[in-house]
PDB file of N, CA and C in Angstrom:
ATOM      1  N   MET A   1       4.744  26.495 -21.798  1.00  0.00           N
ATOM      2  CA  MET A   1       6.098  26.029 -21.550  1.00  0.00           C
ATOM      3  C   MET A   1       6.721  25.566 -22.867  1.00  0.00           C
ATOM      4  N   GLN A   2       7.928  26.006 -23.106  1.00  0.00           N
ATOM      5  CA  GLN A   2       8.625  25.660 -24.340  1.00  0.00           C
ATOM      6  C   GLN A   2       9.398  24.356 -24.167  1.00  0.00           C
ATOM      7  N   LEU A   3       9.324  23.478 -25.162  1.00  0.00           N
ATOM      8  CA  LEU A   3      10.079  22.239 -25.126  1.00  0.00           C
ATOM      9  C   LEU A   3      11.547  22.515 -25.380  1.00  0.00           C
ATOM     10  N   ALA A   4      12.405  21.674 -24.813  1.00  0.00           N
ATOM     11  CA  ALA A   4      13.846  21.826 -24.981  1.00  0.00           C
ATOM     12  C   ALA A   4      14.247  21.470 -26.403  1.00  0.00           C
ATOM     13  N   THR A   5      15.206  22.205 -26.924  1.00  0.00           N
ATOM     14  CA  THR A   5      15.776  21.827 -28.211  1.00  0.00           C
ATOM     15  C   THR A   5      16.899  20.850 -27.952  1.00  0.00           C
ATOM     16  N   MET A   6      17.256  20.091 -28.961  1.00  0.00           N
ATOM     17  CA  MET A   6      18.226  19.029 -28.780  1.00  0.00           C
ATOM     18  C   MET A   6      19.651  19.514 -28.550  1.00  0.00           C
ATOM     19  N   ASP A   7      19.932  20.801 -28.774  1.00  0.00           N
ATOM     20  CA  ASP A   7      21.293  21.275 -28.596  1.00  0.00           C
ATOM     21  C   ASP A   7      21.476  22.092 -27.323  1.00  0.00           C
ATOM     22  N   GLN A   8      20.442  22.258 -26.520  1.00  0.00           N
ATOM     23  CA  GLN A   8      20.607  23.030 -25.304  1.00  0.00           C
ATOM     24  C   GLN A   8      20.928  22.112 -24.124  1.00  0.00           C
ATOM     25  N   LEU A   9      21.570  22.687 -23.113  1.00  0.00           N
ATOM     26  CA  LEU A   9      21.921  21.922 -21.928  1.00  0.00           C
ATOM     27  C   LEU A   9      20.723  21.856 -20.989  1.00  0.00           C
ATOM     28  N   LEU A  10      20.494  20.678 -20.450  1.00  0.00           N
ATOM     29  CA  LEU A  10      19.364  20.439 -19.562  1.00  0.00           C
ATOM     30  C   LEU A  10      19.873  20.086 -18.174  1.00  0.00           C
ATOM     31  N   ASP A  11      19.111  20.447 -17.146  1.00  0.00           N
ATOM     32  CA  ASP A  11      19.451  20.030 -15.795  1.00  0.00           C
ATOM     33  C   ASP A  11      18.692  18.742 -15.461  1.00  0.00           C
ATOM     34  N   ALA A  12      18.978  18.173 -14.293  1.00  0.00           N
ATOM     35  CA  ALA A  12      18.374  16.885 -13.919  1.00  0.00           C
ATOM     36  C   ALA A  12      16.844  16.915 -13.902  1.00  0.00           C
ATOM     37  N   PRO A  13      16.217  17.937 -13.327  1.00  0.00           N
ATOM     38  CA  PRO A  13      14.745  17.940 -13.357  1.00  0.00           C
ATOM     39  C   PRO A  13      14.175  17.956 -14.779  1.00  0.00           C
ATOM     40  N   ALA A  14      14.837  18.668 -15.683  1.00  0.00           N
ATOM     41  CA  ALA A  14      14.358  18.730 -17.068  1.00  0.00           C
ATOM     42  C   ALA A  14      14.500  17.373 -17.759  1.00  0.00           C
ATOM     43  N   VAL A  15      15.612  16.682 -17.514  1.00  0.00           N
ATOM     44  CA  VAL A  15      15.813  15.361 -18.124  1.00  0.00           C
ATOM     45  C   VAL A  15      14.810  14.367 -17.554  1.00  0.00           C
ATOM     46  N   ALA A  16      14.606  14.394 -16.248  1.00  0.00           N
ATOM     47  CA  ALA A  16      13.625  13.495 -15.631  1.00  0.00           C
ATOM     48  C   ALA A  16      12.245  13.728 -16.240  1.00  0.00           C
ATOM     49  N   LYS A  17      11.897  14.987 -16.468  1.00  0.00           N
ATOM     50  CA  LYS A  17      10.596  15.295 -17.059  1.00  0.00           C
ATOM     51  C   LYS A  17      10.510  14.776 -18.489  1.00  0.00           C
ATOM     52  N   LEU A  18      11.589  14.955 -19.272  1.00  0.00           N
ATOM     53  CA  LEU A  18      11.589  14.429 -20.637  1.00  0.00           C
ATOM     54  C   LEU A  18      11.420  12.916 -20.663  1.00  0.00           C
ATOM     55  N   LEU A  19      12.024  12.237 -19.685  1.00  0.00           N
ATOM     56  CA  LEU A  19      11.945  10.779 -19.612  1.00  0.00           C
ATOM     57  C   LEU A  19      10.658  10.294 -18.950  1.00  0.00           C
ATOM     58  N   ASN A  20       9.881  11.237 -18.410  1.00  0.00           N
ATOM     59  CA  ASN A  20       8.632  10.906 -17.724  1.00  0.00           C
ATOM     60  C   ASN A  20       8.867  10.000 -16.519  1.00  0.00           C
ATOM     61  N   VAL A  21       9.918  10.317 -15.759  1.00  0.00           N
ATOM     62  CA  VAL A  21      10.219   9.598 -14.514  1.00  0.00           C
ATOM     63  C   VAL A  21      10.425  10.639 -13.414  1.00  0.00           C
ATOM     64  N   SER A  22      10.352  10.197 -12.184  1.00  0.00           N
ATOM     65  CA  SER A  22      10.597  11.115 -11.081  1.00  0.00           C
ATOM     66  C   SER A  22      12.075  11.494 -11.039  1.00  0.00           C
ATOM     67  N   ARG A  23      12.369  12.587 -10.393  1.00  0.00           N
ATOM     68  CA  ARG A  23      13.772  12.998 -10.257  1.00  0.00           C
ATOM     69  C   ARG A  23      14.536  11.931  -9.474  1.00  0.00           C
ATOM     70  N   ARG A  24      13.911  11.357  -8.487  1.00  0.00           N
ATOM     71  CA  ARG A  24      14.558  10.318  -7.680  1.00  0.00           C
ATOM     72  C   ARG A  24      14.918   9.102  -8.534  1.00  0.00           C
ATOM     73  N   THR A  25      14.003   8.674  -9.388  1.00  0.00           N
ATOM     74  CA  THR A  25      14.275   7.548 -10.289  1.00  0.00           C
ATOM     75  C   THR A  25      15.423   7.889 -11.221  1.00  0.00           C
ATOM     76  N   PHE A  26      15.420   9.106 -11.739  1.00  0.00           N
ATOM     77  CA  PHE A  26      16.498   9.534 -12.628  1.00  0.00           C
ATOM     78  C   PHE A  26      17.835   9.544 -11.892  1.00  0.00           C
ATOM     79  N   GLU A  27      17.852  10.041 -10.679  1.00  0.00           N
ATOM     80  CA  GLU A  27      19.099  10.068  -9.900  1.00  0.00           C
ATOM     81  C   GLU A  27      19.602   8.650  -9.617  1.00  0.00           C
ATOM     82  N   LYS A  28      18.687   7.709  -9.392  1.00  0.00           N
ATOM     83  CA  LYS A  28      19.092   6.310  -9.188  1.00  0.00           C
ATOM     84  C   LYS A  28      19.730   5.743 -10.450  1.00  0.00           C
ATOM     85  N   LEU A  29      19.143   6.038 -11.611  1.00  0.00           N
ATOM     86  CA  LEU A  29      19.732   5.594 -12.881  1.00  0.00           C
ATOM     87  C   LEU A  29      21.159   6.121 -13.018  1.00  0.00           C
ATOM     88  N   MET A  30      21.335   7.390 -12.724  1.00  0.00           N
ATOM     89  CA  MET A  30      22.651   8.007 -12.849  1.00  0.00           C
ATOM     90  C   MET A  30      23.640   7.385 -11.859  1.00  0.00           C
ATOM     91  N   ALA A  31      23.197   7.136 -10.637  1.00  0.00           N
ATOM     92  CA  ALA A  31      24.062   6.550  -9.618  1.00  0.00           C
ATOM     93  C   ALA A  31      24.506   5.137 -10.007  1.00  0.00           C
ATOM     94  N   GLN A  32      23.644   4.429 -10.738  1.00  0.00           N
ATOM     95  CA  GLN A  32      23.965   3.071 -11.191  1.00  0.00           C
ATOM     96  C   GLN A  32      24.758   3.075 -12.492  1.00  0.00           C
ATOM     97  N   GLY A  33      25.026   4.271 -13.029  1.00  0.00           N
ATOM     98  CA  GLY A  33      25.766   4.378 -14.288  1.00  0.00           C
ATOM     99  C   GLY A  33      24.943   3.995 -15.498  1.00  0.00           C
ATOM    100  N   GLU A  34      23.621   4.061 -15.382  1.00  0.00           N
ATOM    101  CA  GLU A  34      22.741   3.627 -16.463  1.00  0.00           C
ATOM    102  C   GLU A  34      22.036   4.765 -17.177  1.00  0.00           C
ATOM    103  N   GLY A  35      22.302   6.003 -16.800  1.00  0.00           N
ATOM    104  CA  GLY A  35      21.626   7.133 -17.406  1.00  0.00           C
ATOM    105  C   GLY A  35      22.368   7.651 -18.631  1.00  0.00           C
ATOM    106  N   PRO A  36      21.801   8.662 -19.260  1.00  0.00           N
ATOM    107  CA  PRO A  36      22.434   9.254 -20.438  1.00  0.00           C
ATOM    108  C   PRO A  36      23.744   9.946 -20.067  1.00  0.00           C
ATOM    109  N   PRO A  37      24.660  10.080 -21.027  1.00  0.00           N
ATOM    110  CA  PRO A  37      25.934  10.746 -20.739  1.00  0.00           C
ATOM    111  C   PRO A  37      25.702  12.213 -20.382  1.00  0.00           C
ATOM    112  N   CYS A  38      26.521  12.709 -19.468  1.00  0.00           N
ATOM    113  CA  CYS A  38      26.352  14.084 -19.021  1.00  0.00           C
ATOM    114  C   CYS A  38      27.675  14.847 -19.068  1.00  0.00           C
ATOM    115  N   LEU A  39      27.559  16.143 -18.944  1.00  0.00           N
ATOM    116  CA  LEU A  39      28.709  17.031 -18.833  1.00  0.00           C
ATOM    117  C   LEU A  39      28.845  17.441 -17.377  1.00  0.00           C
ATOM    118  N   ARG A  40      30.063  17.604 -16.928  1.00  0.00           N
ATOM    119  CA  ARG A  40      30.294  18.148 -15.599  1.00  0.00           C
ATOM    120  C   ARG A  40      30.716  19.597 -15.770  1.00  0.00           C
ATOM    121  N   ILE A  41      30.026  20.481 -15.095  1.00  0.00           N
ATOM    122  CA  ILE A  41      30.384  21.882 -15.066  1.00  0.00           C
ATOM    123  C   ILE A  41      30.533  22.225 -13.589  1.00  0.00           C
ATOM    124  N   GLY A  42      31.769  22.200 -13.127  1.00  0.00           N
ATOM    125  CA  GLY A  42      31.993  22.325 -11.691  1.00  0.00           C
ATOM    126  C   GLY A  42      31.409  21.109 -11.001  1.00  0.00           C
ATOM    127  N   ARG A  43      30.534  21.348 -10.051  1.00  0.00           N
ATOM    128  CA  ARG A  43      29.875  20.239  -9.353  1.00  0.00           C
ATOM    129  C   ARG A  43      28.520  19.904  -9.956  1.00  0.00           C
ATOM    130  N   GLN A  44      28.143  20.644 -10.972  1.00  0.00           N
ATOM    131  CA  GLN A  44      26.843  20.457 -11.620  1.00  0.00           C
ATOM    132  C   GLN A  44      26.938  19.486 -12.800  1.00  0.00           C
ATOM    133  N   ARG A  45      25.850  18.776 -13.053  1.00  0.00           N
ATOM    134  CA  ARG A  45      25.749  17.921 -14.236  1.00  0.00           C
ATOM    135  C   ARG A  45      24.726  18.529 -15.178  1.00  0.00           C
ATOM    136  N   ARG A  46      25.033  18.464 -16.464  1.00  0.00           N
ATOM    137  CA  ARG A  46      24.110  18.933 -17.487  1.00  0.00           C
ATOM    138  C   ARG A  46      24.108  17.931 -18.629  1.00  0.00           C
ATOM    139  N   TRP A  47      22.988  17.868 -19.346  1.00  0.00           N
ATOM    140  CA  TRP A  47      22.811  16.912 -20.430  1.00  0.00           C
ATOM    141  C   TRP A  47      22.427  17.641 -21.692  1.00  0.00           C
ATOM    142  N   TYR A  48      23.007  17.236 -22.817  1.00  0.00           N
ATOM    143  CA  TYR A  48      22.538  17.716 -24.108  1.00  0.00           C
ATOM    144  C   TYR A  48      21.291  16.922 -24.459  1.00  0.00           C
ATOM    145  N   GLY A  49      20.282  17.608 -24.962  1.00  0.00           N
ATOM    146  CA  GLY A  49      19.041  16.931 -25.347  1.00  0.00           C
ATOM    147  C   GLY A  49      19.280  15.828 -26.356  1.00  0.00           C
ATOM    148  N   VAL A  50      20.195  16.046 -27.298  1.00  0.00           N
ATOM    149  CA  VAL A  50      20.486  15.030 -28.316  1.00  0.00           C
ATOM    150  C   VAL A  50      21.082  13.774 -27.674  1.00  0.00           C
ATOM    151  N   ASP A  51      21.899  13.937 -26.629  1.00  0.00           N
ATOM    152  CA  ASP A  51      22.464  12.770 -25.935  1.00  0.00           C
ATOM    153  C   ASP A  51      21.374  11.992 -25.205  1.00  0.00           C
ATOM    154  N   VAL A  52      20.427  12.709 -24.628  1.00  0.00           N
ATOM    155  CA  VAL A  52      19.299  12.042 -23.956  1.00  0.00           C
ATOM    156  C   VAL A  52      18.477  11.277 -24.987  1.00  0.00           C
ATOM    157  N   GLU A  53      18.207  11.922 -26.121  1.00  0.00           N
ATOM    158  CA  GLU A  53      17.436  11.273 -27.186  1.00  0.00           C
ATOM    159  C   GLU A  53      18.139  10.014 -27.683  1.00  0.00           C
ATOM    160  N   ASN A  54      19.440  10.087 -27.927  1.00  0.00           N
ATOM    161  CA  ASN A  54      20.194   8.923 -28.400  1.00  0.00           C
ATOM    162  C   ASN A  54      20.216   7.819 -27.354  1.00  0.00           C
ATOM    163  N   TRP A  55      20.314   8.180 -26.089  1.00  0.00           N
ATOM    164  CA  TRP A  55      20.304   7.185 -25.011  1.00  0.00           C
ATOM    165  C   TRP A  55      18.963   6.447 -24.991  1.00  0.00           C
ATOM    166  N   VAL A  56      17.872   7.186 -25.153  1.00  0.00           N
ATOM    167  CA  VAL A  56      16.535   6.570 -25.183  1.00  0.00           C
ATOM    168  C   VAL A  56      16.431   5.628 -26.367  1.00  0.00           C
ATOM    169  N   LYS A  57      16.853   6.081 -27.537  1.00  0.00           N
ATOM    170  CA  LYS A  57      16.783   5.240 -28.733  1.00  0.00           C
ATOM    171  C   LYS A  57      17.601   3.965 -28.567  1.00  0.00           C
ATOM    172  N   GLY A  58      18.697   4.044 -27.849  1.00  0.00           N
ATOM    173  CA  GLY A  58      19.540   2.872 -27.624  1.00  0.00           C
ATOM    174  C   GLY A  58      18.959   1.870 -26.648  1.00  0.00           C
ATOM    175  N   ARG A  59      17.904   2.253 -25.950  1.00  0.00           N
ATOM    176  CA  ARG A  59      17.288   1.364 -24.970  1.00  0.00           C
ATOM    177  C   ARG A  59      16.026   0.688 -25.496  1.00  0.00           C
ATOM    178  N   VAL A  60      15.692   0.907 -26.754  1.00  0.00           N
ATOM    179  CA  VAL A  60      14.497   0.293 -27.339  1.00  0.00           C
ATOM    180  C   VAL A  60      14.698  -1.216 -27.407  1.00  0.00           C
ATOM    181  N   VAL A  61      13.721  -1.947 -26.914  1.00  0.00           N
ATOM    182  CA  VAL A  61      13.772  -3.407 -26.914  1.00  0.00           C
ATOM    183  C   VAL A  61      13.010  -3.905 -28.142  1.00  0.00           C
ATOM    184  N   THR A  62      13.680  -4.698 -28.965  1.00  0.00           N
ATOM    185  CA  THR A  62      13.043  -5.196 -30.180  1.00  0.00           C
ATOM    186  C   THR A  62      12.652  -6.664 -30.073  1.00  0.00           C
ATOM    187  N   HIS A  63      13.003  -7.294 -28.975  1.00  0.00           N
ATOM    188  CA  HIS A  63      12.636  -8.693 -28.764  1.00  0.00           C
ATOM    189  C   HIS A  63      12.353  -8.899 -27.285  1.00  0.00           C
ATOM    190  N   HIS A  64      11.679  -9.964 -26.967  1.00  0.00           N
ATOM    191  CA  HIS A  64      11.329 -10.276 -25.591  1.00  0.00           C
ATOM    192  C   HIS A  64      12.192 -11.424 -25.092  1.00  0.00           C
ATOM    193  N   THR A  65      12.528 -11.350 -23.825  1.00  0.00           N
ATOM    194  CA  THR A  65      13.268 -12.464 -23.222  1.00  0.00           C
ATOM    195  C   THR A  65      12.297 -13.604 -22.948  1.00  0.00           C
ATOM    196  N   ASP A  66      12.809 -14.788 -22.715  1.00  0.00           N
ATOM    197  CA  ASP A  66      11.970 -15.929 -22.397  1.00  0.00           C
ATOM    198  C   ASP A  66      11.125 -15.656 -21.162  1.00  0.00           C
ATOM    199  N   ARG A  67      11.696 -14.976 -20.178  1.00  0.00           N
ATOM    200  CA  ARG A  67      10.978 -14.670 -18.954  1.00  0.00           C
ATOM    201  C   ARG A  67       9.774 -13.780 -19.250  1.00  0.00           C
ATOM    202  N   GLU A  68       9.922 -12.788 -20.126  1.00  0.00           N
ATOM    203  CA  GLU A  68       8.807 -11.925 -20.481  1.00  0.00           C
ATOM    204  C   GLU A  68       7.730 -12.691 -21.241  1.00  0.00           C
ATOM    205  N   LYS A  69       8.142 -13.640 -22.099  1.00  0.00           N
ATOM    206  CA  LYS A  69       7.187 -14.439 -22.868  1.00  0.00           C
ATOM    207  C   LYS A  69       6.301 -15.273 -21.939  1.00  0.00           C
ATOM    208  N   GLU A  70       6.878 -15.694 -20.813  1.00  0.00           N
ATOM    209  CA  GLU A  70       6.141 -16.522 -19.872  1.00  0.00           C
ATOM    210  C   GLU A  70       5.205 -15.682 -18.995  1.00  0.00           C
ATOM    211  N   GLY A  71       5.234 -14.342 -19.166  1.00  0.00           N
ATOM    212  CA  GLY A  71       4.373 -13.487 -18.360  1.00  0.00           C
ATOM    213  C   GLY A  71       5.012 -13.042 -17.083  1.00  0.00           C
ATOM    214  N   HIS A  72       6.309 -13.204 -16.927  1.00  0.00           N
ATOM    215  CA  HIS A  72       7.029 -12.781 -15.726  1.00  0.00           C
ATOM    216  C   HIS A  72       7.854 -11.532 -16.034  1.00  0.00           C
ATOM    217  N   THR A  73       7.216 -10.385 -16.037  1.00  0.00           N
ATOM    218  CA  THR A  73       7.948  -9.146 -16.354  1.00  0.00           C
ATOM    219  C   THR A  73       8.577  -8.539 -15.153  1.00  0.00           C
TER     220      THR A  73
END
């Protein structure tokens, strides 16, 4: 299986696989407005790999909240 390049359009199952989450989890993220930006093509949604990559990089946590420090994740 060939990995997606960052400039090709991906469908929801491909993005979920890249993120290592179930399709259902990915759809919940999108429904909550928390997923990567997408393109609308008719009724279909597609994602550029580079947009998914940038979205992931933007979610990196560099510090812990007080709640996490106390062991309550």
